[in-house]
Structures are given as C-alpha cells and as structure tokens.
Amino acid sequence: MVTTTPYKLWFQSENLNILIPEGKKVAIVGLSGSGKSTIISLLLRFFTNYKGEILIDDQNIRVIGHLQLLEESRQAKWRDQAIAGLTLTEFRMIEALTRRPGHILTYDTLAQATHQHYVSNNTISTHIRNIKRKLKNIDAEFDAVKSEYGMGYRWSEN
C-alpha cells in the first residue's frame, strides 16, 4: 500500500493523497505536465526535496531500516542518533547507496552522487571508511555498507 500525506508539488498541487491497496495495479494518467513523472520520481526517491511524508506499507520512505535521512538539513540518523560529523559528500553517498538497497553501486555511480568533477576510487573508499567509522561510533555492530571487491559498494541492512 502506498500512502502520501500532504506536500506541495512545485507545479500545482498542495494536498496530494494517494492510497493504492496492496496487490492492486494502478495507472497514472493525465495531460502532459500534470505530474505523472513527478509522482513516480517521488515514489522511487529520485526527488527528495519535498514536504510531508511518503509511506509505503506504513513505512516512511526516508527511513531505511535503522537509517533516517533528513534531506532538508542533509543530516542522517542511525537508530535515532544523529551521525556526528557527516559531510555533504558522505551524506550524498549514503543517499545513493540507500536509494537501491542490495544493489551494487559502482565507483563511477558513487562519484557522480558526490556532485564533484573528479573523484578517484581511493577517495570513494576513504569516504566509505569514514561513513562506516562514524556509524560504528553509534553502533559497534553496524555492517550495512558492503564492499564488492573491484566493483563498488552496496547497502545491505539485515
């Protein structure tokens, strides 16, 4: 079931509520520019700058397991504790990793997520080590960021 609570779409709507019963198929139809792609992009977490909540099975899509992403402030929480000293680059990498949990993100994909011109594989690895260290400061058992040797990293919270 997908439920959204009121938020403002930049193009026209202030209060959009959609309820899709579990197991049902729906079509989103409308005129060009009416927001069909925006709705899908919101559900897939391609857009993160919105007000309100998007819930799937009563779970806010900004919460991934024990991780909560606070896009407005570019901060994150693990088990309700702020991740201290998280840089914008590290936030963007976590955001990219959690957008598709379980899928490998290549070094190139993670480099693009940082919004920087050139980021080497070693720099990516350093950022990942820093992310892991900061999360282990909160939870010594943290192990959600997995290295895929020679390929990249994936988020896998069990």
N, C-alpha and C. Protein backbone atom coordinates (compact mmCIF):
# COMPACT_ATOMS: atom_id res chain seq x y z
N MET A 1 0.84 -1.16 0.00
CA MET A 1 0.00 0.00 0.00
C MET A 1 0.89 1.24 0.00
N VAL A 2 0.59 2.18 -0.84
CA VAL A 2 1.32 3.44 -0.91
C VAL A 2 0.39 4.54 -0.44
N THR A 3 0.84 5.32 0.50
CA THR A 3 0.05 6.44 1.00
C THR A 3 0.94 7.66 1.05
N THR A 4 0.42 8.78 0.64
CA THR A 4 1.18 10.02 0.80
C THR A 4 0.36 10.96 1.65
N THR A 5 1.03 11.76 2.43
CA THR A 5 0.36 12.81 3.19
C THR A 5 0.62 14.11 2.46
N PRO A 6 -0.08 15.16 2.82
CA PRO A 6 0.01 16.40 2.03
C PRO A 6 1.43 16.94 1.91
N TYR A 7 1.79 17.32 0.71
CA TYR A 7 3.03 18.04 0.45
C TYR A 7 2.79 18.87 -0.80
N LYS A 8 3.62 19.85 -1.01
CA LYS A 8 3.42 20.75 -2.13
C LYS A 8 4.27 20.31 -3.31
N LEU A 9 3.63 19.99 -4.42
CA LEU A 9 4.35 19.74 -5.65
C LEU A 9 4.63 21.11 -6.26
N TRP A 10 5.81 21.30 -6.76
CA TRP A 10 6.22 22.62 -7.22
C TRP A 10 5.35 23.15 -8.34
N PHE A 11 4.66 22.30 -9.06
CA PHE A 11 3.95 22.77 -10.23
C PHE A 11 2.50 23.15 -9.99
N GLN A 12 1.79 22.52 -9.00
CA GLN A 12 0.43 22.96 -8.83
C GLN A 12 -0.30 22.46 -7.59
N SER A 13 0.03 21.34 -7.04
CA SER A 13 -0.79 20.75 -6.01
C SER A 13 -0.21 20.95 -4.61
N GLU A 14 -1.09 21.23 -3.65
CA GLU A 14 -0.66 21.35 -2.27
C GLU A 14 -0.99 20.11 -1.46
N ASN A 15 -2.09 19.49 -1.71
CA ASN A 15 -2.52 18.34 -0.92
C ASN A 15 -2.80 17.16 -1.84
N LEU A 16 -1.84 16.29 -1.92
CA LEU A 16 -1.99 15.11 -2.75
C LEU A 16 -1.98 13.89 -1.84
N ASN A 17 -3.04 13.13 -1.89
CA ASN A 17 -3.14 11.90 -1.11
C ASN A 17 -3.49 10.78 -2.07
N ILE A 18 -2.69 9.73 -2.04
CA ILE A 18 -2.93 8.58 -2.90
C ILE A 18 -2.93 7.34 -2.02
N LEU A 19 -3.92 6.50 -2.18
CA LEU A 19 -3.96 5.23 -1.46
C LEU A 19 -4.09 4.14 -2.51
N ILE A 20 -3.08 3.28 -2.57
CA ILE A 20 -3.11 2.16 -3.51
C ILE A 20 -3.16 0.89 -2.66
N PRO A 21 -4.28 0.18 -2.69
CA PRO A 21 -4.38 -1.05 -1.90
C PRO A 21 -3.33 -2.07 -2.34
N GLU A 22 -2.81 -2.80 -1.37
CA GLU A 22 -1.80 -3.81 -1.63
C GLU A 22 -2.28 -4.80 -2.68
N GLY A 23 -1.41 -5.11 -3.64
CA GLY A 23 -1.71 -6.08 -4.67
C GLY A 23 -2.48 -5.52 -5.86
N LYS A 24 -2.91 -4.28 -5.79
CA LYS A 24 -3.66 -3.67 -6.89
C LYS A 24 -2.72 -2.99 -7.86
N LYS A 25 -3.09 -3.00 -9.11
CA LYS A 25 -2.35 -2.29 -10.14
C LYS A 25 -3.10 -1.00 -10.44
N VAL A 26 -2.34 0.06 -10.65
CA VAL A 26 -2.95 1.34 -10.97
C VAL A 26 -2.24 1.95 -12.17
N ALA A 27 -2.94 2.81 -12.84
CA ALA A 27 -2.35 3.59 -13.94
C ALA A 27 -2.41 5.05 -13.52
N ILE A 28 -1.34 5.75 -13.78
CA ILE A 28 -1.31 7.18 -13.52
C ILE A 28 -1.38 7.85 -14.88
N VAL A 29 -2.50 8.51 -15.13
CA VAL A 29 -2.73 9.13 -16.43
C VAL A 29 -3.01 10.62 -16.24
N GLY A 30 -2.77 11.37 -17.27
CA GLY A 30 -3.03 12.80 -17.22
C GLY A 30 -2.40 13.49 -18.40
N LEU A 31 -2.68 14.77 -18.49
CA LEU A 31 -2.15 15.58 -19.57
C LEU A 31 -0.65 15.78 -19.39
N SER A 32 -0.02 16.17 -20.47
CA SER A 32 1.40 16.49 -20.42
C SER A 32 1.63 17.59 -19.38
N GLY A 33 2.62 17.35 -18.50
CA GLY A 33 2.93 18.35 -17.48
C GLY A 33 2.06 18.29 -16.24
N SER A 34 1.21 17.27 -16.13
CA SER A 34 0.30 17.20 -14.98
C SER A 34 0.92 16.55 -13.75
N GLY A 35 2.13 16.01 -13.87
CA GLY A 35 2.82 15.49 -12.69
C GLY A 35 2.95 13.99 -12.60
N LYS A 36 2.64 13.27 -13.66
CA LYS A 36 2.75 11.80 -13.62
C LYS A 36 4.17 11.35 -13.32
N SER A 37 5.12 11.88 -14.04
CA SER A 37 6.53 11.50 -13.83
C SER A 37 7.02 11.97 -12.47
N THR A 38 6.54 13.09 -12.00
CA THR A 38 6.94 13.60 -10.69
C THR A 38 6.49 12.64 -9.60
N ILE A 39 5.28 12.14 -9.70
CA ILE A 39 4.76 11.19 -8.70
C ILE A 39 5.63 9.94 -8.67
N ILE A 40 5.93 9.40 -9.84
CA ILE A 40 6.78 8.20 -9.91
C ILE A 40 8.17 8.50 -9.36
N SER A 41 8.73 9.65 -9.72
CA SER A 41 10.06 10.02 -9.23
C SER A 41 10.08 10.16 -7.72
N LEU A 42 9.01 10.69 -7.14
CA LEU A 42 8.91 10.79 -5.69
C LEU A 42 8.87 9.40 -5.05
N LEU A 43 8.08 8.50 -5.61
CA LEU A 43 7.98 7.15 -5.06
C LEU A 43 9.30 6.40 -5.16
N LEU A 44 10.06 6.66 -6.19
CA LEU A 44 11.34 5.98 -6.39
C LEU A 44 12.49 6.70 -5.70
N ARG A 45 12.18 7.77 -4.97
CA ARG A 45 13.16 8.56 -4.22
C ARG A 45 14.16 9.26 -5.12
N PHE A 46 13.77 9.58 -6.36
CA PHE A 46 14.64 10.38 -7.22
C PHE A 46 14.60 11.84 -6.80
N PHE A 47 13.45 12.28 -6.27
CA PHE A 47 13.31 13.63 -5.73
C PHE A 47 13.23 13.49 -4.23
N THR A 48 13.99 14.28 -3.53
CA THR A 48 13.98 14.20 -2.08
C THR A 48 13.63 15.52 -1.42
N ASN A 49 13.44 16.55 -2.22
CA ASN A 49 13.16 17.87 -1.67
C ASN A 49 11.65 18.12 -1.71
N TYR A 50 10.95 17.58 -0.73
CA TYR A 50 9.51 17.77 -0.64
C TYR A 50 9.12 17.84 0.83
N LYS A 51 7.93 18.37 1.06
CA LYS A 51 7.41 18.43 2.43
C LYS A 51 6.40 17.32 2.60
N GLY A 52 6.24 16.86 3.83
CA GLY A 52 5.27 15.81 4.11
C GLY A 52 5.94 14.45 4.13
N GLU A 53 5.13 13.43 3.97
CA GLU A 53 5.61 12.06 4.05
C GLU A 53 5.13 11.26 2.86
N ILE A 54 5.93 10.30 2.48
CA ILE A 54 5.51 9.28 1.53
C ILE A 54 5.70 7.96 2.26
N LEU A 55 4.60 7.23 2.41
CA LEU A 55 4.62 5.97 3.16
C LEU A 55 4.35 4.81 2.22
N ILE A 56 5.15 3.78 2.35
CA ILE A 56 4.89 2.52 1.65
C ILE A 56 4.79 1.46 2.74
N ASP A 57 3.65 0.79 2.81
CA ASP A 57 3.36 -0.16 3.89
C ASP A 57 3.56 0.49 5.26
N ASP A 58 3.06 1.70 5.39
CA ASP A 58 3.13 2.49 6.63
C ASP A 58 4.56 2.82 7.05
N GLN A 59 5.53 2.68 6.15
CA GLN A 59 6.93 3.00 6.43
C GLN A 59 7.33 4.21 5.60
N ASN A 60 7.81 5.26 6.27
CA ASN A 60 8.28 6.46 5.60
C ASN A 60 9.46 6.09 4.70
N ILE A 61 9.42 6.50 3.43
CA ILE A 61 10.50 6.11 2.51
C ILE A 61 11.80 6.83 2.83
N ARG A 62 11.78 7.82 3.72
CA ARG A 62 13.02 8.46 4.15
C ARG A 62 13.73 7.65 5.24
N VAL A 63 13.08 6.61 5.71
CA VAL A 63 13.67 5.74 6.73
C VAL A 63 14.00 4.41 6.07
N ILE A 64 15.27 4.03 6.11
CA ILE A 64 15.72 2.79 5.51
C ILE A 64 16.27 1.93 6.64
N GLY A 65 15.48 0.97 7.11
CA GLY A 65 15.89 0.16 8.25
C GLY A 65 16.09 1.04 9.47
N HIS A 66 17.30 1.08 10.00
CA HIS A 66 17.61 1.90 11.17
C HIS A 66 18.10 3.29 10.78
N LEU A 67 18.19 3.56 9.47
CA LEU A 67 18.71 4.84 8.99
C LEU A 67 17.57 5.78 8.64
N GLN A 68 17.71 7.02 9.06
CA GLN A 68 16.75 8.05 8.68
C GLN A 68 17.51 9.17 7.99
N LEU A 69 17.08 9.51 6.77
CA LEU A 69 17.71 10.60 6.02
C LEU A 69 16.89 11.86 6.18
N LEU A 70 17.54 12.94 6.56
CA LEU A 70 16.89 14.24 6.74
C LEU A 70 17.39 15.14 5.63
N GLU A 71 16.73 15.05 4.45
CA GLU A 71 17.22 15.74 3.27
C GLU A 71 17.30 17.25 3.42
N GLU A 72 16.34 17.85 4.11
CA GLU A 72 16.32 19.30 4.23
C GLU A 72 17.59 19.82 4.89
N SER A 73 18.07 19.12 5.90
CA SER A 73 19.26 19.56 6.62
C SER A 73 20.51 18.79 6.20
N ARG A 74 20.35 17.84 5.27
CA ARG A 74 21.46 17.00 4.81
C ARG A 74 22.14 16.30 5.98
N GLN A 75 21.33 15.79 6.87
CA GLN A 75 21.83 15.03 8.01
C GLN A 75 21.17 13.65 8.00
N ALA A 76 21.74 12.76 8.79
CA ALA A 76 21.20 11.41 8.89
C ALA A 76 21.25 10.95 10.33
N LYS A 77 20.34 10.03 10.64
CA LYS A 77 20.31 9.43 11.98
C LYS A 77 20.39 7.92 11.83
N TRP A 78 21.08 7.31 12.77
CA TRP A 78 21.14 5.85 12.85
C TRP A 78 20.59 5.47 14.22
N ARG A 79 19.55 4.66 14.23
CA ARG A 79 18.89 4.27 15.48
C ARG A 79 18.54 5.50 16.33
N ASP A 80 18.00 6.51 15.64
CA ASP A 80 17.54 7.77 16.24
C ASP A 80 18.65 8.65 16.81
N GLN A 81 19.91 8.35 16.51
CA GLN A 81 21.03 9.19 16.93
C GLN A 81 21.63 9.86 15.70
N ALA A 82 21.86 11.17 15.80
CA ALA A 82 22.49 11.89 14.69
C ALA A 82 23.87 11.32 14.41
N ILE A 83 24.21 11.20 13.14
CA ILE A 83 25.54 10.74 12.75
C ILE A 83 26.43 11.98 12.78
N ALA A 84 27.30 12.05 13.78
CA ALA A 84 28.12 13.24 14.01
C ALA A 84 29.17 13.40 12.93
N GLY A 85 29.35 14.64 12.48
CA GLY A 85 30.42 14.97 11.55
C GLY A 85 30.24 14.47 10.13
N LEU A 86 29.03 14.14 9.74
CA LEU A 86 28.77 13.63 8.40
C LEU A 86 28.91 14.79 7.40
N THR A 87 29.80 14.62 6.42
CA THR A 87 29.99 15.67 5.41
C THR A 87 28.89 15.58 4.35
N LEU A 88 28.75 16.62 3.56
CA LEU A 88 27.77 16.61 2.49
C LEU A 88 28.08 15.49 1.49
N THR A 89 29.34 15.30 1.17
CA THR A 89 29.73 14.22 0.25
C THR A 89 29.33 12.86 0.82
N GLU A 90 29.59 12.64 2.10
CA GLU A 90 29.22 11.38 2.73
C GLU A 90 27.70 11.20 2.75
N PHE A 91 26.97 12.28 3.03
CA PHE A 91 25.51 12.20 3.01
C PHE A 91 25.02 11.78 1.63
N ARG A 92 25.57 12.41 0.61
CA ARG A 92 25.15 12.08 -0.77
C ARG A 92 25.46 10.63 -1.12
N MET A 93 26.58 10.12 -0.62
CA MET A 93 26.92 8.72 -0.90
C MET A 93 25.96 7.77 -0.18
N ILE A 94 25.64 8.09 1.07
CA ILE A 94 24.66 7.26 1.81
C ILE A 94 23.32 7.30 1.10
N GLU A 95 22.92 8.49 0.68
CA GLU A 95 21.64 8.66 -0.02
C GLU A 95 21.61 7.80 -1.28
N ALA A 96 22.71 7.80 -2.04
CA ALA A 96 22.77 6.99 -3.27
C ALA A 96 22.74 5.50 -2.95
N LEU A 97 23.50 5.08 -1.95
CA LEU A 97 23.53 3.65 -1.58
C LEU A 97 22.16 3.15 -1.13
N THR A 98 21.44 3.96 -0.38
CA THR A 98 20.16 3.52 0.17
C THR A 98 19.00 3.69 -0.81
N ARG A 99 19.24 4.38 -1.90
CA ARG A 99 18.17 4.53 -2.89
C ARG A 99 17.79 3.18 -3.49
N ARG A 100 18.77 2.28 -3.60
CA ARG A 100 18.52 0.93 -4.14
C ARG A 100 19.22 -0.08 -3.25
N PRO A 101 18.67 -0.34 -2.06
CA PRO A 101 19.32 -1.29 -1.14
C PRO A 101 19.54 -2.65 -1.81
N GLY A 102 20.71 -3.22 -1.54
CA GLY A 102 21.03 -4.53 -2.09
C GLY A 102 21.69 -4.50 -3.45
N HIS A 103 21.60 -3.37 -4.16
CA HIS A 103 22.20 -3.26 -5.48
C HIS A 103 23.60 -2.65 -5.36
N ILE A 104 24.50 -3.15 -6.17
CA ILE A 104 25.88 -2.64 -6.17
C ILE A 104 25.91 -1.30 -6.88
N LEU A 105 26.51 -0.32 -6.23
CA LEU A 105 26.77 0.96 -6.87
C LEU A 105 28.26 1.00 -7.22
N THR A 106 28.53 1.22 -8.48
CA THR A 106 29.91 1.25 -8.94
C THR A 106 30.61 2.50 -8.42
N TYR A 107 31.91 2.49 -8.50
CA TYR A 107 32.69 3.66 -8.10
C TYR A 107 32.25 4.88 -8.91
N ASP A 108 31.99 4.70 -10.21
CA ASP A 108 31.55 5.82 -11.05
C ASP A 108 30.21 6.38 -10.59
N THR A 109 29.28 5.50 -10.24
CA THR A 109 27.97 5.95 -9.77
C THR A 109 28.10 6.72 -8.46
N LEU A 110 28.92 6.20 -7.56
CA LEU A 110 29.14 6.91 -6.29
C LEU A 110 29.85 8.24 -6.52
N ALA A 111 30.78 8.28 -7.47
CA ALA A 111 31.46 9.54 -7.79
C ALA A 111 30.46 10.57 -8.31
N GLN A 112 29.53 10.15 -9.16
CA GLN A 112 28.51 11.06 -9.68
C GLN A 112 27.62 11.56 -8.55
N ALA A 113 27.34 10.71 -7.57
CA ALA A 113 26.48 11.09 -6.45
C ALA A 113 27.09 12.21 -5.61
N THR A 114 28.43 12.33 -5.64
CA THR A 114 29.08 13.36 -4.83
C THR A 114 28.94 14.75 -5.45
N HIS A 115 28.57 14.84 -6.71
CA HIS A 115 28.43 16.11 -7.44
C HIS A 115 29.76 16.84 -7.53
N GLN A 116 30.87 16.10 -7.59
CA GLN A 116 32.19 16.69 -7.75
C GLN A 116 32.72 16.31 -9.13
N HIS A 117 33.67 17.09 -9.64
CA HIS A 117 34.16 16.87 -11.00
C HIS A 117 34.93 15.56 -11.15
N TYR A 118 35.88 15.33 -10.28
CA TYR A 118 36.67 14.11 -10.38
C TYR A 118 36.89 13.53 -8.99
N VAL A 119 36.48 12.29 -8.82
CA VAL A 119 36.65 11.60 -7.55
C VAL A 119 37.26 10.23 -7.87
N SER A 120 38.43 9.96 -7.34
CA SER A 120 39.10 8.69 -7.61
C SER A 120 38.47 7.57 -6.78
N ASN A 121 38.75 6.34 -7.18
CA ASN A 121 38.27 5.19 -6.42
C ASN A 121 38.80 5.22 -4.99
N ASN A 122 40.05 5.65 -4.84
CA ASN A 122 40.63 5.73 -3.49
C ASN A 122 39.88 6.74 -2.63
N THR A 123 39.48 7.86 -3.23
CA THR A 123 38.72 8.86 -2.48
C THR A 123 37.36 8.31 -2.07
N ILE A 124 36.71 7.59 -2.98
CA ILE A 124 35.43 6.95 -2.65
C ILE A 124 35.63 6.00 -1.48
N SER A 125 36.66 5.16 -1.55
CA SER A 125 36.93 4.19 -0.48
C SER A 125 37.18 4.90 0.85
N THR A 126 37.87 6.03 0.81
CA THR A 126 38.12 6.79 2.04
C THR A 126 36.82 7.31 2.62
N HIS A 127 35.95 7.85 1.77
CA HIS A 127 34.64 8.33 2.24
C HIS A 127 33.84 7.18 2.85
N ILE A 128 33.86 6.03 2.22
CA ILE A 128 33.12 4.87 2.73
C ILE A 128 33.68 4.45 4.09
N ARG A 129 35.00 4.43 4.22
CA ARG A 129 35.61 4.10 5.52
C ARG A 129 35.17 5.10 6.59
N ASN A 130 35.13 6.39 6.23
CA ASN A 130 34.69 7.42 7.18
C ASN A 130 33.23 7.22 7.57
N ILE A 131 32.39 6.90 6.59
CA ILE A 131 30.96 6.64 6.87
C ILE A 131 30.84 5.47 7.85
N LYS A 132 31.54 4.37 7.56
CA LYS A 132 31.48 3.19 8.43
C LYS A 132 31.96 3.53 9.84
N ARG A 133 33.06 4.27 9.94
CA ARG A 133 33.61 4.64 11.25
C ARG A 133 32.60 5.48 12.04
N LYS A 134 31.97 6.44 11.38
CA LYS A 134 31.00 7.30 12.06
C LYS A 134 29.78 6.51 12.53
N LEU A 135 29.35 5.56 11.73
CA LEU A 135 28.20 4.73 12.12
C LEU A 135 28.58 3.74 13.21
N LYS A 136 29.80 3.22 13.17
CA LYS A 136 30.25 2.30 14.22
C LYS A 136 30.43 3.02 15.55
N ASN A 137 30.66 4.32 15.52
CA ASN A 137 30.71 5.10 16.77
C ASN A 137 29.36 5.09 17.47
N ILE A 138 28.29 4.97 16.70
CA ILE A 138 26.93 4.90 17.26
C ILE A 138 26.56 3.46 17.58
N ASP A 139 26.91 2.55 16.67
CA ASP A 139 26.51 1.15 16.78
C ASP A 139 27.70 0.27 16.37
N ALA A 140 28.35 -0.32 17.33
CA ALA A 140 29.54 -1.14 17.06
C ALA A 140 29.24 -2.30 16.12
N GLU A 141 27.97 -2.71 16.02
CA GLU A 141 27.56 -3.83 15.16
C GLU A 141 27.24 -3.40 13.73
N PHE A 142 27.35 -2.10 13.43
CA PHE A 142 26.98 -1.61 12.10
C PHE A 142 27.77 -2.35 11.02
N ASP A 143 27.04 -2.84 10.01
CA ASP A 143 27.67 -3.56 8.90
C ASP A 143 26.81 -3.49 7.65
N ALA A 144 26.11 -2.38 7.44
CA ALA A 144 25.18 -2.28 6.31
C ALA A 144 25.85 -1.92 5.00
N VAL A 145 27.03 -1.31 5.04
CA VAL A 145 27.74 -0.96 3.80
C VAL A 145 28.70 -2.10 3.48
N LYS A 146 28.43 -2.75 2.37
CA LYS A 146 29.23 -3.91 1.95
C LYS A 146 30.12 -3.53 0.78
N SER A 147 31.36 -3.99 0.83
CA SER A 147 32.30 -3.77 -0.27
C SER A 147 32.16 -4.92 -1.26
N GLU A 148 32.08 -4.57 -2.52
CA GLU A 148 32.07 -5.57 -3.60
C GLU A 148 33.38 -5.38 -4.35
N TYR A 149 34.35 -6.21 -4.02
CA TYR A 149 35.72 -6.04 -4.46
C TYR A 149 35.83 -5.69 -5.94
N GLY A 150 36.48 -4.56 -6.22
CA GLY A 150 36.73 -4.13 -7.59
C GLY A 150 35.53 -3.52 -8.30
N MET A 151 34.35 -3.59 -7.68
CA MET A 151 33.15 -3.10 -8.35
C MET A 151 32.59 -1.83 -7.69
N GLY A 152 32.49 -1.85 -6.38
CA GLY A 152 31.90 -0.72 -5.67
C GLY A 152 31.37 -1.16 -4.33
N TYR A 153 30.20 -0.61 -3.96
CA TYR A 153 29.62 -0.87 -2.65
C TYR A 153 28.12 -1.03 -2.77
N ARG A 154 27.53 -1.64 -1.74
CA ARG A 154 26.07 -1.76 -1.69
C ARG A 154 25.61 -1.60 -0.25
N TRP A 155 24.36 -1.19 -0.08
CA TRP A 155 23.73 -1.07 1.23
C TRP A 155 22.93 -2.34 1.43
N SER A 156 23.22 -3.05 2.50
CA SER A 156 22.52 -4.30 2.77
C SER A 156 22.32 -4.42 4.27
N GLU A 157 21.19 -3.94 4.74
CA GLU A 157 20.89 -4.00 6.17
C GLU A 157 20.04 -5.22 6.43
N ASN A 158 20.57 -6.15 7.21
CA ASN A 158 19.83 -7.39 7.51
C ASN A 158 19.17 -7.33 8.84
